[in-house]
C-alpha atoms as a PDB file:
ATOM      1  CA  MET A   1      35.087  47.446 -21.202  1.00  0.00           C
ATOM      2  CA  LYS A   2      35.376  47.956 -17.877  1.00  0.00           C
ATOM      3  CA  SER A   3      31.497  48.816 -17.402  1.00  0.00           C
ATOM      4  CA  PHE A   4      30.510  45.532 -19.305  1.00  0.00           C
ATOM      5  CA  LYS A   5      32.471  43.516 -17.431  1.00  0.00           C
ATOM      6  CA  VAL A   6      31.106  45.540 -14.364  1.00  0.00           C
ATOM      7  CA  ILE A   7      27.394  44.812 -15.546  1.00  0.00           C
ATOM      8  CA  ILE A   8      28.386  40.835 -16.199  1.00  0.00           C
ATOM      9  CA  LEU A   9      29.812  40.560 -12.896  1.00  0.00           C
ATOM     10  CA  SER A  10      26.445  41.949 -11.423  1.00  0.00           C
ATOM     11  CA  PHE A  11      24.531  39.592 -13.647  1.00  0.00           C
ATOM     12  CA  THR A  12      26.535  36.420 -11.867  1.00  0.00           C
ATOM     13  CA  ILE A  13      26.346  37.676  -8.527  1.00  0.00           C
ATOM     14  CA  MET A  14      22.371  38.526  -9.356  1.00  0.00           C
ATOM     15  CA  PHE A  15      22.088  34.663 -10.607  1.00  0.00           C
ATOM     16  CA  SER A  16      23.931  33.164  -8.066  1.00  0.00           C
ATOM     17  CA  LEU A  17      21.500  34.431  -5.668  1.00  0.00           C
ATOM     18  CA  VAL A  18      18.157  33.365  -7.372  1.00  0.00           C
ATOM     19  CA  MET A  19      19.579  29.914  -7.647  1.00  0.00           C
ATOM     20  CA  THR A  20      20.500  29.952  -3.972  1.00  0.00           C
ATOM     21  CA  ALA A  21      17.365  31.362  -2.941  1.00  0.00           C
ATOM     22  CA  SER A  22      15.893  28.962  -5.477  1.00  0.00           C
ATOM     23  CA  SER A  23      17.604  25.805  -4.088  1.00  0.00           C
ATOM     24  CA  ALA A  24      16.316  26.894  -0.710  1.00  0.00           C
ATOM     25  CA  GLU A  25      12.766  27.025  -1.410  1.00  0.00           C
ATOM     26  CA  VAL A  26      10.228  24.426  -0.362  1.00  0.00           C
ATOM     27  CA  LEU A  27       7.119  24.126  -2.495  1.00  0.00           C
ATOM     28  CA  THR A  28       3.836  23.487  -0.786  1.00  0.00           C
ATOM     29  CA  ASN A  29       0.186  23.341  -2.105  1.00  0.00           C
ATOM     30  CA  GLN A  30      -0.306  26.496  -1.663  1.00  0.00           C
ATOM     31  CA  THR A  31       2.904  27.363  -3.886  1.00  0.00           C
ATOM     32  CA  VAL A  32       1.458  25.354  -6.596  1.00  0.00           C
ATOM     33  CA  VAL A  33      -2.240  26.711  -6.585  1.00  0.00           C
ATOM     34  CA  SER A  34      -0.272  30.159  -7.232  1.00  0.00           C
ATOM     35  CA  MET A  35       1.562  28.736  -9.953  1.00  0.00           C
ATOM     36  CA  VAL A  36      -1.829  27.881 -11.627  1.00  0.00           C
ATOM     37  CA  LYS A  37      -3.362  30.698 -10.653  1.00  0.00           C
ATOM     38  CA  ALA A  38      -0.719  32.738 -12.295  1.00  0.00           C
ATOM     39  CA  GLY A  39      -1.382  31.081 -15.184  1.00  0.00           C
ATOM     40  CA  LEU A  40       1.897  29.285 -15.389  1.00  0.00           C
ATOM     41  CA  GLY A  41       2.309  26.284 -17.764  1.00  0.00           C
ATOM     42  CA  GLU A  42       2.019  22.684 -16.900  1.00  0.00           C
ATOM     43  CA  GLU A  43       4.954  21.654 -18.246  1.00  0.00           C
ATOM     44  CA  LEU A  44       6.765  24.489 -16.204  1.00  0.00           C
ATOM     45  CA  ILE A  45       5.050  23.995 -13.027  1.00  0.00           C
ATOM     46  CA  ILE A  46       6.064  20.071 -12.876  1.00  0.00           C
ATOM     47  CA  SER A  47       9.447  20.836 -14.241  1.00  0.00           C
ATOM     48  CA  LYS A  48       9.569  23.424 -11.016  1.00  0.00           C
ATOM     49  CA  ILE A  49       8.097  20.409  -8.534  1.00  0.00           C
ATOM     50  CA  LYS A  50      10.776  17.660  -9.886  1.00  0.00           C
ATOM     51  CA  ASN A  51      13.632  20.060  -9.037  1.00  0.00           C
ATOM     52  CA  SER A  52      12.985  21.726  -5.797  1.00  0.00           C
ATOM     53  CA  GLN A  53      12.208  20.359  -2.071  1.00  0.00           C
ATOM     54  CA  ASN A  54       8.271  20.098  -0.937  1.00  0.00           C
ATOM     55  CA  GLN A  55       6.209  19.857   1.891  1.00  0.00           C
ATOM     56  CA  PHE A  56       2.976  18.676  -0.233  1.00  0.00           C
ATOM     57  CA  ASP A  57      -0.301  17.766   1.417  1.00  0.00           C
ATOM     58  CA  VAL A  58      -1.119  14.179  -1.086  1.00  0.00           C
ATOM     59  CA  THR A  59      -3.578  13.123   1.625  1.00  0.00           C
ATOM     60  CA  ILE A  60      -6.800  12.340  -0.231  1.00  0.00           C
ATOM     61  CA  THR A  61      -8.101  15.818   1.581  1.00  0.00           C
ATOM     62  CA  GLY A  62      -5.079  17.500   0.379  1.00  0.00           C
ATOM     63  CA  ILE A  63      -5.835  16.260  -3.535  1.00  0.00           C
ATOM     64  CA  LEU A  64      -9.393  17.257  -3.250  1.00  0.00           C
ATOM     65  CA  LYS A  65      -8.803  20.684  -2.556  1.00  0.00           C
ATOM     66  CA  LEU A  66      -5.861  20.790  -5.320  1.00  0.00           C
ATOM     67  CA  LYS A  67      -8.931  19.847  -7.274  1.00  0.00           C
ATOM     68  CA  GLU A  68     -10.907  22.413  -6.199  1.00  0.00           C
ATOM     69  CA  GLU A  69      -8.558  25.483  -6.573  1.00  0.00           C
ATOM     70  CA  GLY A  70      -7.976  23.895 -10.499  1.00  0.00           C
ATOM     71  CA  VAL A  71      -4.609  21.957 -10.101  1.00  0.00           C
ATOM     72  CA  SER A  72      -4.807  19.482 -13.139  1.00  0.00           C
ATOM     73  CA  GLU A  73      -4.283  15.222 -12.696  1.00  0.00           C
ATOM     74  CA  ASP A  74      -1.094  15.819 -14.056  1.00  0.00           C
ATOM     75  CA  ILE A  75       0.270  18.362 -11.486  1.00  0.00           C
ATOM     76  CA  ILE A  76      -1.091  16.855  -9.018  1.00  0.00           C
ATOM     77  CA  THR A  77       0.539  13.146 -10.283  1.00  0.00           C
ATOM     78  CA  ALA A  78       3.532  15.106  -9.934  1.00  0.00           C
ATOM     79  CA  MET A  79       3.318  16.485  -6.994  1.00  0.00           C
ATOM     80  CA  ILE A  80       2.608  12.660  -5.272  1.00  0.00           C
ATOM     81  CA  ASP A  81       5.624  11.458  -7.116  1.00  0.00           C
ATOM     82  CA  SER A  82       8.211  13.980  -5.715  1.00  0.00           C
ATOM     83  CA  THR A  83       7.002  13.918  -2.275  1.00  0.00           C
ATOM     84  CA  GLY A  84       9.676  13.533   0.181  1.00  0.00           C
ATOM     85  CA  ASN A  85      12.250  13.709  -2.242  1.00  0.00           C
ATOM     86  CA  SER A  86      14.850  16.709  -2.127  1.00  0.00           C
ATOM     87  CA  GLY A  87      15.113  17.502  -6.040  1.00  0.00           C
ATOM     88  CA  LYS A  88      16.650  15.496  -8.285  1.00  0.00           C
ATOM     89  CA  ALA A  89      18.515  13.612  -5.746  1.00  0.00           C
ATOM     90  CA  GLY A  90      15.544  11.651  -4.773  1.00  0.00           C
ATOM     91  CA  PRO A  91      14.842   9.704  -7.609  1.00  0.00           C
ATOM     92  CA  SER A  92      17.884   9.227  -9.515  1.00  0.00           C
ATOM     93  CA  LYS A  93      19.063   7.485  -5.346  1.00  0.00           C
ATOM     94  CA  GLN A  94      16.044   5.483  -5.745  1.00  0.00           C
ATOM     95  CA  LYS A  95      16.640   4.138  -8.623  1.00  0.00           C
ATOM     96  CA  ALA A  96      20.426   3.272  -8.379  1.00  0.00           C
ATOM     97  CA  VAL A  97      19.708   1.347  -5.286  1.00  0.00           C
ATOM     98  CA  GLN A  98      17.314  -0.857  -7.495  1.00  0.00           C
ATOM     99  CA  SER A  99      20.049  -3.216  -9.007  1.00  0.00           C
ATOM    100  CA  PRO A 100      19.420  -6.043 -11.876  1.00  0.00           C
ATOM    101  CA  GLU A 101      20.597  -8.604  -9.037  1.00  0.00           C
ATOM    102  CA  SER A 102      18.550  -6.761  -6.353  1.00  0.00           C
ATOM    103  CA  GLU A 103      15.661  -6.763  -8.324  1.00  0.00           C
ATOM    104  CA  GLU A 104      15.890 -10.657  -9.352  1.00  0.00           C
ATOM    105  CA  LEU A 105      15.861 -11.455  -5.699  1.00  0.00           C
ATOM    106  CA  TYR A 106      12.807  -9.075  -4.558  1.00  0.00           C
ATOM    107  CA  LYS A 107      11.139 -11.215  -7.022  1.00  0.00           C
ATOM    108  CA  LYS A 108      12.566 -14.233  -5.684  1.00  0.00           C
ATOM    109  CA  ALA A 109      10.961 -13.251  -2.064  1.00  0.00           C
ATOM    110  CA  ILE A 110       7.641 -12.344  -3.807  1.00  0.00           C
ATOM    111  CA  ILE A 111       7.176 -15.853  -5.337  1.00  0.00           C
ATOM    112  CA  LEU A 112       8.075 -16.982  -1.322  1.00  0.00           C
ATOM    113  CA  ILE A 113       5.736 -14.631   0.085  1.00  0.00           C
ATOM    114  CA  GLU A 114       3.020 -15.657  -2.325  1.00  0.00           C
ATOM    115  CA  GLY A 115       3.745 -19.190  -1.697  1.00  0.00           C
ATOM    116  CA  GLY A 116       3.790 -18.873   2.045  1.00  0.00           C
ATOM    117  CA  ASP A 117       6.888 -19.272   2.942  1.00  0.00           C
ATOM    118  CA  TYR A 118       7.722 -16.511   5.243  1.00  0.00           C
ATOM    119  CA  ASP A 119      10.763 -17.287   7.035  1.00  0.00           C
ATOM    120  CA  ALA A 120      12.725 -17.890   3.341  1.00  0.00           C
ATOM    121  CA  ALA A 121      11.535 -14.570   2.169  1.00  0.00           C
ATOM    122  CA  TYR A 122      12.807 -12.763   5.385  1.00  0.00           C
ATOM    123  CA  ASP A 123      16.130 -13.787   4.576  1.00  0.00           C
ATOM    124  CA  ILE A 124      16.247 -12.158   1.238  1.00  0.00           C
ATOM    125  CA  LEU A 125      14.540  -9.057   2.347  1.00  0.00           C
ATOM    126  CA  LYS A 126      16.853  -8.170   5.439  1.00  0.00           C
ATOM    127  CA  LYS A 127      19.928  -8.908   2.727  1.00  0.00           C
ATOM    128  CA  LEU A 128      18.172  -6.286   0.463  1.00  0.00           C
ATOM    129  CA  ILE A 129      17.721  -3.926   2.847  1.00  0.00           C
ATOM    130  CA  SER A 130      21.396  -4.598   4.572  1.00  0.00           C
ATOM    131  CA  GLU A 131      22.712  -4.292   0.635  1.00  0.00           C
ATOM    132  CA  ASN A 132      19.938  -1.085  -0.038  1.00  0.00           C
ATOM    133  CA  PRO A 133      19.444   0.897   3.011  1.00  0.00           C
ATOM    134  CA  ASP A 134      17.251   3.678   1.316  1.00  0.00           C
ATOM    135  CA  ASN A 135      15.128   1.494  -0.528  1.00  0.00           C
ATOM    136  CA  ASN A 136      11.760   1.675   0.883  1.00  0.00           C
ATOM    137  CA  LYS A 137       9.994  -0.614  -1.522  1.00  0.00           C
ATOM    138  CA  TYR A 138      12.441  -3.534   0.442  1.00  0.00           C
ATOM    139  CA  GLN A 139      11.824  -1.798   4.038  1.00  0.00           C
ATOM    140  CA  LEU A 140       7.834  -1.904   3.099  1.00  0.00           C
ATOM    141  CA  SER A 141       7.855  -5.581   1.524  1.00  0.00           C
ATOM    142  CA  TYR A 142       9.694  -7.031   4.636  1.00  0.00           C
ATOM    143  CA  ALA A 143       7.030  -5.066   6.994  1.00  0.00           C
ATOM    144  CA  ASP A 144       4.122  -6.376   5.169  1.00  0.00           C
ATOM    145  CA  THR A 145       5.708  -9.808   5.162  1.00  0.00           C
ATOM    146  CA  ILE A 146       5.629  -9.843   8.984  1.00  0.00           C
ATOM    147  CA  LEU A 147       2.164  -8.360   9.412  1.00  0.00           C
ATOM    148  CA  ASP A 148       0.588 -10.698   6.455  1.00  0.00           C
ATOM    149  CA  GLN A 149       2.440 -14.020   8.677  1.00  0.00           C
ATOM    150  CA  CYS A 150       0.817 -12.218  11.614  1.00  0.00           C
ATOM    151  CA  VAL A 151      -2.719 -12.470   9.946  1.00  0.00           C
ATOM    152  CA  VAL A 152      -2.417 -16.157   9.458  1.00  0.00           C
ATOM    153  CA  MET A 153      -1.312 -16.977  12.514  1.00  0.00           C
ATOM    154  CA  LYS A 154      -4.112 -14.772  14.097  1.00  0.00           C
ATOM    155  CA  MET A 155      -6.460 -16.793  12.080  1.00  0.00           C
ATOM    156  CA  ALA A 156      -4.748 -20.237  13.060  1.00  0.00           C
ATOM    157  CA  ASN A 157      -5.629 -19.073  16.575  1.00  0.00           C
ATOM    158  CA  ASN A 158      -1.273 -18.834  17.043  1.00  0.00           C
ATOM    159  CA  SER A 159      -1.228 -15.978  20.186  1.00  0.00           C
ATOM    160  CA  LEU A 160       2.833 -15.495  19.239  1.00  0.00           C
ATOM    161  CA  TRP A 161       1.539 -13.075  16.314  1.00  0.00           C
ATOM    162  CA  LYS A 162       0.730 -10.313  19.000  1.00  0.00           C
ATOM    163  CA  LEU A 163       4.688 -10.258  19.220  1.00  0.00           C
ATOM    164  CA  LYS A 164       5.579 -10.020  15.360  1.00  0.00           C
ATOM    165  CA  ALA A 165       2.698  -7.254  15.163  1.00  0.00           C
ATOM    166  CA  LYS A 166       4.546  -5.334  17.030  1.00  0.00           C
ATOM    167  CA  GLU A 167       7.656  -5.206  14.936  1.00  0.00           C
ATOM    168  CA  GLY A 168       5.559  -4.947  11.993  1.00  0.00           C
ATOM    169  CA  GLY A 169       3.521  -2.123  13.364  1.00  0.00           C
ATOM    170  CA  ALA A 170       6.302   0.215  14.161  1.00  0.00           C
ATOM    171  CA  LYS A 171       8.045  -0.512  10.779  1.00  0.00           C
ATOM    172  CA  ILE A 172       5.247   0.665   8.919  1.00  0.00           C
ATOM    173  CA  LYS A 173       4.387   3.634  11.204  1.00  0.00           C
ATOM    174  CA  ALA A 174       8.346   4.618  10.539  1.00  0.00           C
ATOM    175  CA  LEU A 175       7.405   4.884   6.620  1.00  0.00           C
ATOM    176  CA  PHE A 176       4.374   6.818   6.610  1.00  0.00           C
ATOM    177  CA  ARG A 177       6.237   9.632   5.636  1.00  0.00           C
ATOM    178  CA  LYS A 178       8.048   8.381   2.622  1.00  0.00           C
ATOM    179  CA  MET A 179       5.443   6.342   1.119  1.00  0.00           C
ATOM    180  CA  SER A 180       2.139   8.249   1.745  1.00  0.00           C
ATOM    181  CA  GLY A 181       1.039   8.113  -1.852  1.00  0.00           C
ATOM    182  CA  ASN A 182       2.385   4.663  -2.048  1.00  0.00           C
ATOM    183  CA  ALA A 183      -1.180   1.919  -2.085  1.00  0.00           C
ATOM    184  CA  ASP A 184       0.518  -1.002  -0.885  1.00  0.00           C
ATOM    185  CA  TYR A 185       1.679   1.097   2.341  1.00  0.00           C
ATOM    186  CA  TYR A 186      -1.976   1.594   2.850  1.00  0.00           C
ATOM    187  CA  LEU A 187      -2.821  -1.992   2.482  1.00  0.00           C
ATOM    188  CA  ALA A 188      -0.224  -2.888   4.787  1.00  0.00           C
ATOM    189  CA  TYR A 189      -1.421  -0.097   7.291  1.00  0.00           C
ATOM    190  CA  ALA A 190      -4.503  -1.825   6.773  1.00  0.00           C
ATOM    191  CA  LYS A 191      -3.239  -5.129   8.264  1.00  0.00           C
ATOM    192  CA  TYR A 192      -2.053  -3.649  10.738  1.00  0.00           C
ATOM    193  CA  LEU A 193      -5.492  -1.691  12.526  1.00  0.00           C
ATOM    194  CA  TRP A 194      -7.038  -4.794  12.431  1.00  0.00           C
ATOM    195  CA  LEU A 195      -4.238  -6.622  13.920  1.00  0.00           C
ATOM    196  CA  ALA A 196      -3.704  -3.793  16.517  1.00  0.00           C
ATOM    197  CA  LYS A 197      -7.371  -3.786  17.624  1.00  0.00           C
ATOM    198  CA  THR A 198      -7.771  -0.584  16.165  1.00  0.00           C
ATOM    199  CA  ARG A 199      -9.860  -2.633  13.496  1.00  0.00           C
ATOM    200  CA  LYS A 200     -12.751  -0.703  13.557  1.00  0.00           C
ATOM    201  CA  GLU A 201     -14.589  -1.199  10.036  1.00  0.00           C
ATOM    202  CA  SER A 202     -14.776   2.215   9.383  1.00  0.00           C
ATOM    203  CA  ASN A 203     -11.075   3.212   9.968  1.00  0.00           C
ATOM    204  CA  ILE A 204     -10.256  -0.197   7.589  1.00  0.00           C
ATOM    205  CA  TYR A 205     -12.796   0.956   4.903  1.00  0.00           C
ATOM    206  CA  LYS A 206     -11.244   4.083   5.046  1.00  0.00           C
ATOM    207  CA  THR A 207      -7.710   3.033   4.780  1.00  0.00           C
ATOM    208  CA  ILE A 208      -8.612   0.197   1.968  1.00  0.00           C
ATOM    209  CA  ASP A 209     -10.358   3.164   0.104  1.00  0.00           C
ATOM    210  CA  LYS A 210      -7.278   5.292  -0.490  1.00  0.00           C
ATOM    211  CA  ALA A 211      -5.197   2.449  -1.641  1.00  0.00           C
ATOM    212  CA  LEU A 212      -7.732   2.189  -4.037  1.00  0.00           C
ATOM    213  CA  TYR A 213      -7.333   5.914  -4.906  1.00  0.00           C
ATOM    214  CA  TYR A 214      -3.708   5.779  -5.282  1.00  0.00           C
ATOM    215  CA  LYS A 215      -4.040   2.785  -7.512  1.00  0.00           C
ATOM    216  CA  PRO A 216      -7.848   1.727  -9.197  1.00  0.00           C
ATOM    217  CA  ASP A 217      -8.565  -1.974  -9.676  1.00  0.00           C
ATOM    218  CA  TYR A 218      -5.507  -3.196  -7.577  1.00  0.00           C
ATOM    219  CA  PRO A 219      -6.369  -6.990  -7.170  1.00  0.00           C
ATOM    220  CA  TYR A 220      -4.228  -6.960  -4.205  1.00  0.00           C
ATOM    221  CA  ALA A 221      -5.954  -4.313  -2.414  1.00  0.00           C
ATOM    222  CA  TYR A 222      -9.044  -6.455  -2.778  1.00  0.00           C
ATOM    223  CA  ILE A 223      -7.516  -9.772  -1.697  1.00  0.00           C
ATOM    224  CA  VAL A 224      -6.223  -7.829   1.700  1.00  0.00           C
ATOM    225  CA  LYS A 225      -9.930  -5.939   1.673  1.00  0.00           C
ATOM    226  CA  GLY A 226     -11.000  -9.892   1.446  1.00  0.00           C
ATOM    227  CA  ASP A 227      -8.804 -11.157   4.231  1.00  0.00           C
ATOM    228  CA  ILE A 228      -9.906  -8.604   6.788  1.00  0.00           C
ATOM    229  CA  TYR A 229     -13.237  -8.817   5.946  1.00  0.00           C
ATOM    230  CA  PHE A 230     -13.182 -12.667   6.587  1.00  0.00           C
ATOM    231  CA  GLY A 231     -11.311 -11.987   9.822  1.00  0.00           C
ATOM    232  CA  LEU A 232     -14.149  -9.241  11.500  1.00  0.00           C
ATOM    233  CA  ALA A 233     -16.869 -11.651   9.985  1.00  0.00           C
ATOM    234  CA  ARG A 234     -14.688 -14.425  12.218  1.00  0.00           C
ATOM    235  CA  ASP A 235     -14.775 -11.977  15.537  1.00  0.00           C
ATOM    236  CA  PHE A 236     -17.757 -10.233  15.203  1.00  0.00           C
ATOM    237  CA  ASN A 237     -19.051  -8.210  18.158  1.00  0.00           C
ATOM    238  CA  PRO A 238     -22.967  -6.694  17.709  1.00  0.00           C
ATOM    239  CA  VAL A 239     -22.183  -4.115  19.944  1.00  0.00           C
ATOM    240  CA  GLU A 240     -18.949  -2.800  18.618  1.00  0.00           C
ATOM    241  CA  GLN A 241     -20.500  -3.298  15.386  1.00  0.00           C
ATOM    242  CA  GLN A 242     -23.282  -1.560  16.203  1.00  0.00           C
ATOM    243  CA  MET A 243     -21.543   1.607  17.256  1.00  0.00           C
ATOM    244  CA  ASP A 244     -18.814   1.613  14.485  1.00  0.00           C
ATOM    245  CA  SER A 245     -21.411   1.488  11.981  1.00  0.00           C
ATOM    246  CA  ALA A 246     -22.524   4.826  13.150  1.00  0.00           C
ATOM    247  CA  ALA A 247     -19.055   6.045  11.683  1.00  0.00           C
ATOM    248  CA  LEU A 248     -19.832   5.262   8.099  1.00  0.00           C
ATOM    249  CA  THR A 249     -21.927   7.545   7.523  1.00  0.00           C
ATOM    250  CA  GLY A 250     -25.187   6.455   5.321  1.00  0.00           C
ATOM    251  CA  SER A 251     -24.054   2.704   5.589  1.00  0.00           C
ATOM    252  CA  PRO A 252     -26.336   0.081   7.451  1.00  0.00           C
ATOM    253  CA  VAL A 253     -24.905  -1.788  10.459  1.00  0.00           C
ATOM    254  CA  SER A 254     -23.408  -4.813   9.466  1.00  0.00           C
ATOM    255  CA  THR A 255     -23.945  -8.069  10.255  1.00  0.00           C
ATOM    256  CA  LYS A 256     -21.395 -11.136  10.486  1.00  0.00           C
ATOM    257  CA  THR A 257     -23.105 -12.404   7.060  1.00  0.00           C
ATOM    258  CA  SER A 258     -22.879  -9.158   5.344  1.00  0.00           C
ATOM    259  CA  LEU A 259     -19.224  -8.496   6.420  1.00  0.00           C
ATOM    260  CA  ALA A 260     -18.423 -12.512   5.201  1.00  0.00           C
ATOM    261  CA  ASP A 261     -20.129 -11.382   2.010  1.00  0.00           C
ATOM    262  CA  THR A 262     -18.134  -8.252   1.209  1.00  0.00           C
ATOM    263  CA  ALA A 263     -15.105 -10.247   2.058  1.00  0.00           C
ATOM    264  CA  LEU A 264     -16.619 -12.951  -0.548  1.00  0.00           C
ATOM    265  CA  ALA A 265     -17.283 -10.005  -3.324  1.00  0.00           C
ATOM    266  CA  SER A 266     -13.509  -8.518  -2.667  1.00  0.00           C
ATOM    267  CA  TYR A 267     -12.256 -12.106  -3.240  1.00  0.00           C
ATOM    268  CA  THR A 268     -14.098 -12.832  -6.198  1.00  0.00           C
ATOM    269  CA  LYS A 269     -13.600  -9.234  -7.703  1.00  0.00           C
ATOM    270  CA  ALA A 270      -9.758 -10.044  -7.237  1.00  0.00           C
ATOM    271  CA  LEU A 271     -10.108 -13.342  -8.876  1.00  0.00           C
ATOM    272  CA  ALA A 272     -11.468 -11.417 -12.258  1.00  0.00           C
ATOM    273  CA  ASN A 273      -8.113  -9.774 -12.673  1.00  0.00           C
ATOM    274  CA  PRO A 274      -6.010 -11.061 -15.589  1.00  0.00           C
ATOM    275  CA  ASP A 275      -2.771 -10.406 -14.235  1.00  0.00           C
ATOM    276  CA  LEU A 276      -3.258 -12.305 -11.054  1.00  0.00           C
ATOM    277  CA  ASN A 277      -0.839 -15.446 -11.102  1.00  0.00           C
ATOM    278  CA  ASP A 278      -1.678 -19.084 -10.251  1.00  0.00           C
ATOM    279  CA  ARG A 279      -0.475 -18.691  -6.453  1.00  0.00           C
ATOM    280  CA  LYS A 280      -2.303 -15.907  -6.017  1.00  0.00           C
ATOM    281  CA  LYS A 281      -5.455 -17.228  -7.239  1.00  0.00           C
ATOM    282  CA  ALA A 282      -4.875 -20.311  -5.375  1.00  0.00           C
ATOM    283  CA  TYR A 283      -4.409 -18.326  -2.095  1.00  0.00           C
ATOM    284  CA  VAL A 284      -7.875 -16.639  -2.916  1.00  0.00           C
ATOM    285  CA  TYR A 285      -9.433 -20.159  -3.602  1.00  0.00           C
ATOM    286  CA  TYR A 286      -8.285 -21.254  -0.312  1.00  0.00           C
ATOM    287  CA  LYS A 287      -9.529 -18.341   1.777  1.00  0.00           C
ATOM    288  CA  MET A 288     -12.860 -18.477   0.450  1.00  0.00           C
ATOM    289  CA  GLY A 289     -13.175 -22.344   0.965  1.00  0.00           C
ATOM    290  CA  GLU A 290     -12.531 -21.092   4.461  1.00  0.00           C
ATOM    291  CA  LEU A 291     -15.044 -18.311   4.234  1.00  0.00           C
ATOM    292  CA  GLU A 292     -17.523 -20.656   3.252  1.00  0.00           C
ATOM    293  CA  TYR A 293     -16.823 -23.473   6.005  1.00  0.00           C
ATOM    294  CA  GLN A 294     -16.567 -21.169   8.904  1.00  0.00           C
ATOM    295  CA  ILE A 295     -18.513 -18.534   7.927  1.00  0.00           C
ATOM    296  CA  LEU A 296     -21.695 -19.183   5.133  1.00  0.00           C
ATOM    297  CA  SER A 297     -21.493 -22.712   6.397  1.00  0.00           C
ATOM    298  CA  SER A 298     -21.785 -24.097   2.814  1.00  0.00           C
ATOM    299  CA  SER A 299     -19.084 -27.316   2.969  1.00  0.00           C
ATOM    300  CA  THR A 300     -20.271 -27.917  -0.904  1.00  0.00           C
ATOM    301  CA  ARG A 301     -18.641 -24.809  -1.903  1.00  0.00           C
ATOM    302  CA  ALA A 302     -15.968 -24.962   0.829  1.00  0.00           C
ATOM    303  CA  ARG A 303     -14.429 -28.241  -0.830  1.00  0.00           C
ATOM    304  CA  ALA A 304     -15.214 -26.874  -4.341  1.00  0.00           C
ATOM    305  CA  ASN A 305     -12.862 -23.641  -3.921  1.00  0.00           C
ATOM    306  CA  TRP A 306     -10.339 -25.979  -2.149  1.00  0.00           C
ATOM    307  CA  GLU A 307      -9.990 -28.184  -4.793  1.00  0.00           C
ATOM    308  CA  LYS A 308      -9.784 -24.680  -7.196  1.00  0.00           C
ATOM    309  CA  ALA A 309      -6.757 -24.160  -4.785  1.00  0.00           C
ATOM    310  CA  VAL A 310      -5.066 -27.486  -5.200  1.00  0.00           C
ATOM    311  CA  SER A 311      -5.162 -27.390  -9.205  1.00  0.00           C
ATOM    312  CA  LEU A 312      -3.755 -23.775  -9.410  1.00  0.00           C
ATOM    313  CA  SER A 313      -0.570 -24.670  -7.309  1.00  0.00           C
ATOM    314  CA  PRO A 314      -0.371 -28.001  -5.551  1.00  0.00           C
ATOM    315  CA  ASP A 315       3.286 -27.344  -4.023  1.00  0.00           C
ATOM    316  CA  SER A 316       2.454 -24.369  -2.237  1.00  0.00           C
ATOM    317  CA  LYS A 317       1.853 -24.096   1.553  1.00  0.00           C
ATOM    318  CA  THR A 318      -1.787 -22.749   0.630  1.00  0.00           C
ATOM    319  CA  GLY A 319      -2.437 -25.739  -1.792  1.00  0.00           C
ATOM    320  CA  GLU A 320      -0.684 -27.793   1.088  1.00  0.00           C
ATOM    321  CA  LEU A 321      -3.351 -26.948   3.262  1.00  0.00           C
ATOM    322  CA  ALA A 322      -6.436 -27.151   0.971  1.00  0.00           C
ATOM    323  CA  LYS A 323      -5.045 -30.591   0.545  1.00  0.00           C
ATOM    324  CA  LYS A 324      -5.429 -31.052   4.051  1.00  0.00           C
ATOM    325  CA  ARG A 325      -9.117 -29.705   3.842  1.00  0.00           C
ATOM    326  CA  LEU A 326     -10.072 -31.994   1.574  1.00  0.00           C
ATOM    327  CA  THR A 327      -8.663 -35.003   3.187  1.00  0.00           C
ATOM    328  CA  GLN A 328     -10.824 -34.195   6.298  1.00  0.00           C
END
């Protein structure tokens, strides 16, 4: 009996040591590759990923290397989902802060943003962040709203956008480690690249491409791409464009018209998505009208787009802007 108790005690100590070591273990891309090559099953590897700390490289380069090493898409998805989490505490904590009341307020903020009512949206998002300081989604939406307003101000030649852009940029940079696998993060970052004069077409192209990698056929990605390429066309500088096009391997030198055409194609692709609501459609039609009028020199097509914007969302800010355009 004494011998049996000694065995049990020894086993307990060994088990505790193993569990302690396991809890301190930090998984990396190479750890996952080693488990795959050792022949461990997907379910086991994914379970290990979900219940361990990690320092995964889930950039596009990192993901492509994982694929080359034979790591399945299900395992890679689990790695992306768990990035920045420390075992079970991360995901459960994130879910806990998204109460139904908070989510309803968040939806209201999104509606206000889509309608161009940024100040009212700020107030709601500030309240949500105060009550849910660990919710990265609310923080990203706040930073993204700042950048959205900056884009509108810049396009309207309001120089005050520069002051607000610094705040938005600082917030975006602070969220990188927490949201590096999030499509909306890269779209916000693309806006910042353009606003901060780090607006080379090659950098912006790669950043939007990352967003579409994480969320294919995302209509908002095409809207952001349209907005930025509209801005690039409006600010077109032949010398800068010639230098930057060399960074896009195999791509021809962009012209003012080709940049505008890219913007128009992106807006059109966004409109083709059946999930796009009327407020967003109105915004897109308004911007297409501006693009036709300012860059492509077609007042007829511009008016047709503004009329669609008014018919879809007459009471939104973009609807009001379209009405003004039609009376000029």
